[in-house]
Amino acid sequence: MLYYTIYEVKKIKILITGSNGQLGVEFQKFFEKININYIAVPHKKLDITNISNLYEVLKNKNITHILNCASYNDVDKAEKNSKLAYKTNALGVKNLSLISNKINAKLIHFSTDYVFDGSKNNPYNIFDTPNPINEYGKSKLIGEKYLKKLSKNYLLIRTSWLFGGNKNFIKKVLEWSKKEEIRVSYNEVSSPTYTLDLVKVTFFLIKQKSFGTYHITNTPTNRYEWAKFILNKIKYTGKIVKVKKEVFNLPAKRPNYSVLLNNHEVKISTWQKSTNNYLRCIL
């Protein structure tokens, strides 16, 4: 396995798209700590769906890596606003693939467990055939296909149930804790993934010069067990009701089981430990 030397790491210059999102912000904090040269460009200044704008922003910048943290990830709104989802999650990746080739940069792109339909009932590996059941998942899968077809040097990272920053499931549960009764689904199983863990493993793969498809998540659980764990930590005294996800009648279908099997190089902590680490940061 090839690795970047210390000298080569110092020459790395990373562009972060979607820099205002929870993953983009986490990368910035991490790169500041370890003194990695990066450029973080918000959506207003860098539109990945506009290839001319992309090239104008990136030319002559000596970018060595592009971290695509930009994504349309509102799963329910994507059912009605599918054009915007496909524009960002598919066309945007197509454009980034072409531009990364032109400027000779490695493209690191993040995808989702929702490219799978959940019918397997055991963890999905990188060789399993995707079959998304909602518009968000379909748009992300098309982005994956563009990446694999067009990019000469890419890293495709699938992850799931991200938490970090200010907008995530843990924050929702803490908000729900103001109620006397909370209903949470038990038949939706995947793997919570702490953004800081994902960032650290991603940078390890960058230094290792990894190529191809990777799965990076913490360990699996269901929404109910995760919520119960969070509420126990804050000593919630109300009632937690276990329900099927179907009772919420959400616009987008969710797979019942979308656990990803991590690649063997991926060393990462349990969801319980990472949830604790995040709670210590925000409580």
Protein backbone atom coordinates (compact mmCIF):
# COMPACT_ATOMS: atom_id res chain seq x y z
CA MET A 1 0.00 0.00 0.00
CA LEU A 2 1.38 3.42 -0.97
CA TYR A 3 1.48 6.25 1.55
CA TYR A 4 2.16 9.95 1.27
CA THR A 5 5.48 10.94 2.82
CA ILE A 6 5.51 13.69 5.46
CA TYR A 7 6.83 16.04 2.78
CA GLU A 8 3.99 15.11 0.41
CA VAL A 9 1.38 15.59 3.14
CA LYS A 10 2.66 19.12 3.66
CA LYS A 11 2.12 19.80 -0.07
CA ILE A 12 -1.52 18.65 0.03
CA LYS A 13 -4.04 21.38 -0.75
CA ILE A 14 -7.68 20.41 -0.29
CA LEU A 15 -10.83 22.05 -1.62
CA ILE A 16 -13.94 21.48 0.52
CA THR A 17 -17.31 21.85 -1.20
CA GLY A 18 -20.42 22.15 0.96
CA SER A 19 -18.21 23.82 3.54
CA ASN A 20 -21.12 25.08 5.68
CA GLY A 21 -22.61 21.62 6.23
CA GLN A 22 -21.88 19.49 9.29
CA LEU A 23 -19.28 17.36 7.51
CA GLY A 24 -17.62 20.30 5.78
CA VAL A 25 -17.33 22.18 9.06
CA GLU A 26 -15.85 19.10 10.79
CA PHE A 27 -13.18 18.77 8.12
CA GLN A 28 -12.23 22.42 8.54
CA LYS A 29 -11.83 22.08 12.31
CA PHE A 30 -9.74 18.94 11.85
CA PHE A 31 -7.49 20.44 9.17
CA GLU A 32 -6.90 23.52 11.34
CA LYS A 33 -5.69 21.29 14.18
CA ILE A 34 -3.27 19.28 12.05
CA ASN A 35 -2.19 22.23 9.87
CA ILE A 36 -3.42 20.97 6.48
CA ASN A 37 -3.75 23.54 3.71
CA TYR A 38 -7.36 23.80 2.55
CA ILE A 39 -9.86 26.07 0.85
CA ALA A 40 -13.46 26.03 2.10
CA VAL A 41 -15.89 27.55 -0.39
CA PRO A 42 -19.59 28.01 0.46
CA HIS A 43 -22.32 27.19 -2.05
CA LYS A 44 -22.91 30.86 -2.91
CA LYS A 45 -19.38 31.12 -4.30
CA LEU A 46 -18.97 27.60 -5.65
CA ASP A 47 -21.89 26.04 -7.53
CA ILE A 48 -20.95 22.44 -8.33
CA THR A 49 -23.87 22.25 -10.77
CA ASN A 50 -22.22 24.96 -12.91
CA ILE A 51 -19.10 23.55 -14.53
CA SER A 52 -17.90 26.94 -15.80
CA ASN A 53 -18.13 28.39 -12.29
CA LEU A 54 -16.27 25.37 -10.96
CA TYR A 55 -13.38 25.76 -13.34
CA GLU A 56 -13.08 29.51 -12.78
CA VAL A 57 -12.88 29.00 -9.00
CA LEU A 58 -10.43 26.07 -9.16
CA LYS A 59 -8.04 26.91 -11.99
CA ASN A 60 -4.51 27.84 -10.98
CA LYS A 61 -5.21 27.01 -7.32
CA ASN A 62 -2.93 23.94 -7.23
CA ILE A 63 -5.63 21.83 -5.62
CA THR A 64 -4.47 18.26 -4.96
CA HIS A 65 -7.73 16.89 -3.49
CA ILE A 66 -11.42 17.79 -3.69
CA LEU A 67 -13.61 16.79 -0.76
CA ASN A 68 -17.20 16.85 -1.98
CA CYS A 69 -19.29 17.46 1.14
CA ALA A 70 -22.00 19.19 -0.91
CA SER A 71 -25.26 17.25 -1.02
CA TYR A 72 -29.00 17.67 -1.22
CA ASN A 73 -29.87 15.43 1.71
CA ASP A 74 -33.44 16.29 2.70
CA VAL A 75 -34.81 12.80 2.08
CA ASP A 76 -38.49 13.72 2.28
CA LYS A 77 -38.32 16.97 0.31
CA ALA A 78 -36.42 15.14 -2.42
CA GLU A 79 -39.62 13.24 -3.23
CA LYS A 80 -41.26 16.45 -4.45
CA ASN A 81 -38.13 18.41 -5.29
CA SER A 82 -36.33 15.63 -7.13
CA LYS A 83 -34.93 17.97 -9.80
CA LEU A 84 -32.84 19.83 -7.25
CA ALA A 85 -31.73 16.56 -5.64
CA TYR A 86 -30.59 15.15 -8.99
CA LYS A 87 -28.96 18.45 -9.95
CA THR A 88 -26.80 18.52 -6.81
CA ASN A 89 -26.26 14.83 -6.12
CA ALA A 90 -25.82 13.66 -9.72
CA LEU A 91 -24.92 16.53 -12.07
CA GLY A 92 -22.73 18.12 -9.42
CA VAL A 93 -20.70 14.93 -9.08
CA LYS A 94 -20.42 14.63 -12.85
CA ASN A 95 -19.00 18.14 -13.03
CA LEU A 96 -16.58 17.56 -10.16
CA SER A 97 -15.37 14.35 -11.80
CA LEU A 98 -14.58 16.17 -15.05
CA ILE A 99 -12.95 19.14 -13.31
CA SER A 100 -10.87 16.96 -10.99
CA ASN A 101 -9.45 15.21 -14.05
CA LYS A 102 -8.70 18.55 -15.69
CA ILE A 103 -6.79 19.93 -12.70
CA ASN A 104 -5.28 16.52 -11.80
CA ALA A 105 -6.86 16.37 -8.32
CA LYS A 106 -8.17 13.35 -6.42
CA LEU A 107 -11.93 13.48 -5.85
CA ILE A 108 -13.32 12.23 -2.53
CA HIS A 109 -17.09 11.92 -2.68
CA PHE A 110 -19.55 10.94 0.07
CA SER A 111 -22.61 8.80 -0.58
CA THR A 112 -25.20 7.03 1.53
CA ASP A 113 -26.61 3.75 2.81
CA TYR A 114 -29.86 4.78 1.10
CA VAL A 115 -28.53 3.50 -2.22
CA PHE A 116 -29.63 0.09 -0.88
CA ASP A 117 -33.22 -1.14 -0.48
CA GLY A 118 -32.82 -2.88 2.89
CA SER A 119 -33.98 -6.30 1.73
CA LYS A 120 -30.68 -8.09 2.44
CA ASN A 121 -31.05 -8.17 6.25
CA ASN A 122 -27.30 -8.37 6.84
CA PRO A 123 -24.62 -5.72 6.31
CA TYR A 124 -24.11 -4.44 2.78
CA ASN A 125 -20.57 -4.72 1.44
CA ILE A 126 -19.04 -2.66 -1.36
CA PHE A 127 -19.81 -5.39 -3.92
CA ASP A 128 -23.56 -5.52 -3.25
CA THR A 129 -25.80 -4.15 -5.98
CA PRO A 130 -27.54 -0.87 -5.03
CA ASN A 131 -31.31 -0.56 -5.44
CA PRO A 132 -32.56 2.69 -3.90
CA ILE A 133 -36.23 3.06 -2.92
CA ASN A 134 -36.47 6.85 -2.67
CA GLU A 135 -35.54 9.81 -4.87
CA TYR A 136 -32.69 10.88 -2.61
CA GLY A 137 -31.08 7.45 -2.84
CA LYS A 138 -31.62 7.34 -6.60
CA SER A 139 -29.96 10.74 -7.06
CA LYS A 140 -26.98 9.68 -4.94
CA LEU A 141 -26.61 6.44 -6.93
CA ILE A 142 -26.48 8.33 -10.23
CA GLY A 143 -23.76 10.51 -8.69
CA GLU A 144 -21.83 7.35 -7.80
CA LYS A 145 -22.14 6.09 -11.37
CA TYR A 146 -20.84 9.35 -12.81
CA LEU A 147 -17.93 9.27 -10.38
CA LYS A 148 -16.92 5.71 -11.29
CA LYS A 149 -17.32 6.29 -15.01
CA LEU A 150 -15.65 9.66 -15.36
CA SER A 151 -13.16 10.24 -12.55
CA LYS A 152 -9.61 8.98 -13.08
CA ASN A 153 -8.72 9.18 -9.39
CA TYR A 154 -11.54 8.94 -6.85
CA LEU A 155 -12.51 7.76 -3.41
CA LEU A 156 -16.19 6.93 -2.96
CA ILE A 157 -17.19 6.81 0.71
CA ARG A 158 -20.63 5.57 1.73
CA THR A 159 -21.75 6.43 5.23
CA SER A 160 -24.99 6.62 7.24
CA TRP A 161 -26.92 8.56 9.89
CA LEU A 162 -24.36 11.33 10.28
CA PHE A 163 -24.30 13.31 13.50
CA GLY A 164 -22.16 16.32 14.31
CA GLY A 165 -22.69 20.07 14.18
CA ASN A 166 -26.12 21.43 14.97
CA LYS A 167 -28.61 19.51 12.83
CA ASN A 168 -28.87 15.75 13.40
CA PHE A 169 -30.88 13.01 15.10
CA ILE A 170 -29.29 13.57 18.51
CA LYS A 171 -30.28 17.23 18.44
CA LYS A 172 -33.82 16.22 17.50
CA VAL A 173 -34.02 13.78 20.40
CA LEU A 174 -32.81 16.44 22.83
CA GLU A 175 -35.53 18.75 21.52
CA TRP A 176 -38.14 15.99 21.85
CA SER A 177 -37.09 15.50 25.49
CA LYS A 178 -39.19 18.55 26.37
CA LYS A 179 -42.25 16.35 25.78
CA GLU A 180 -43.71 13.88 28.26
CA GLU A 181 -43.96 11.15 25.63
CA ILE A 182 -41.73 10.39 22.64
CA ARG A 183 -42.43 7.92 19.84
CA VAL A 184 -39.43 6.45 18.02
CA SER A 185 -39.25 3.74 15.36
CA TYR A 186 -37.60 0.40 16.09
CA ASN A 187 -37.76 -1.12 12.60
CA GLU A 188 -35.22 1.19 10.98
CA VAL A 189 -31.72 -0.21 11.44
CA SER A 190 -28.49 1.38 10.28
CA SER A 191 -25.28 2.80 11.77
CA PRO A 192 -24.94 6.22 13.39
CA THR A 193 -21.71 7.88 12.24
CA TYR A 194 -19.95 10.66 14.14
CA THR A 195 -18.61 13.26 11.71
CA LEU A 196 -15.31 13.50 13.59
CA ASP A 197 -14.78 9.73 13.25
CA LEU A 198 -15.61 9.90 9.54
CA VAL A 199 -13.21 12.82 9.02
CA LYS A 200 -10.32 11.02 10.74
CA VAL A 201 -10.79 7.79 8.78
CA THR A 202 -11.19 9.71 5.51
CA PHE A 203 -7.93 11.55 6.05
CA PHE A 204 -6.23 8.25 6.89
CA LEU A 205 -7.43 6.88 3.53
CA ILE A 206 -6.20 10.03 1.77
CA LYS A 207 -2.73 9.62 3.29
CA GLN A 208 -2.82 5.93 2.34
CA LYS A 209 -3.59 6.89 -1.28
CA SER A 210 -6.67 4.65 -1.20
CA PHE A 211 -8.79 4.32 -4.33
CA GLY A 212 -12.29 3.00 -5.03
CA THR A 213 -15.30 2.40 -2.78
CA TYR A 214 -15.29 2.38 1.02
CA HIS A 215 -17.92 2.03 3.72
CA ILE A 216 -17.27 4.06 6.88
CA THR A 217 -19.74 4.02 9.80
CA ASN A 218 -19.87 3.40 13.51
CA THR A 219 -21.60 0.22 14.71
CA PRO A 220 -25.29 -0.60 13.95
CA THR A 221 -28.43 0.01 16.00
CA ASN A 222 -32.03 1.15 15.48
CA ARG A 223 -33.58 4.55 16.01
CA TYR A 224 -35.37 3.51 19.20
CA GLU A 225 -32.28 2.11 20.94
CA TRP A 226 -30.24 5.13 19.90
CA ALA A 227 -32.86 7.57 21.20
CA LYS A 228 -33.23 5.62 24.46
CA PHE A 229 -29.46 5.75 24.98
CA ILE A 230 -29.43 9.54 24.47
CA LEU A 231 -32.43 10.12 26.73
CA ASN A 232 -30.95 7.97 29.50
CA LYS A 233 -27.82 10.11 29.38
CA ILE A 234 -29.85 13.24 30.12
CA LYS A 235 -32.00 11.40 32.70
CA TYR A 236 -35.24 11.83 30.76
CA THR A 237 -38.22 10.95 32.98
CA GLY A 238 -40.93 10.79 30.32
CA LYS A 239 -42.20 7.83 28.32
CA ILE A 240 -40.39 6.43 25.26
CA VAL A 241 -42.78 4.55 22.97
CA LYS A 242 -41.47 1.99 20.48
CA VAL A 243 -43.36 2.20 17.15
CA LYS A 244 -43.00 1.13 13.53
CA LYS A 245 -41.61 3.79 11.21
CA GLU A 246 -44.71 3.45 9.02
CA VAL A 247 -46.85 5.25 11.63
CA PHE A 248 -45.10 8.54 10.78
CA ASN A 249 -46.29 8.29 7.16
CA LEU A 250 -43.27 10.16 5.81
CA PRO A 251 -43.16 11.07 2.09
CA ALA A 252 -40.00 9.04 1.37
CA LYS A 253 -39.64 5.32 1.95
CA ARG A 254 -36.73 4.27 4.15
CA PRO A 255 -35.00 0.90 4.03
CA ASN A 256 -35.72 -1.23 7.08
CA TYR A 257 -32.11 -2.37 7.22
CA SER A 258 -29.24 -0.45 5.62
CA VAL A 259 -26.21 -1.35 7.73
CA LEU A 260 -22.95 -0.94 5.81
CA LEU A 261 -20.07 -3.36 6.25
CA ASN A 262 -16.91 -1.34 6.77
CA ASN A 263 -13.81 -2.12 4.72
CA HIS A 264 -11.17 -3.99 6.69
CA GLU A 265 -8.87 -0.93 6.81
CA VAL A 266 -11.52 1.06 8.67
CA LYS A 267 -10.91 1.18 12.43
CA ILE A 268 -13.66 3.09 14.19
CA SER A 269 -15.42 3.15 17.56
CA THR A 270 -18.90 1.98 18.57
CA TRP A 271 -21.95 4.19 18.17
CA GLN A 272 -22.30 4.32 21.97
CA LYS A 273 -18.79 5.67 22.52
CA SER A 274 -19.08 8.19 19.69
CA THR A 275 -22.52 9.34 20.83
CA ASN A 276 -21.04 9.92 24.30
CA ASN A 277 -18.16 11.88 22.80
CA TYR A 278 -20.55 14.11 20.87
CA LEU A 279 -22.88 14.62 23.86
CA ARG A 280 -19.91 15.76 25.95
CA CYS A 281 -19.25 18.44 23.33
CA ILE A 282 -22.79 19.84 23.29
CA LEU A 283 -24.18 19.38 26.81
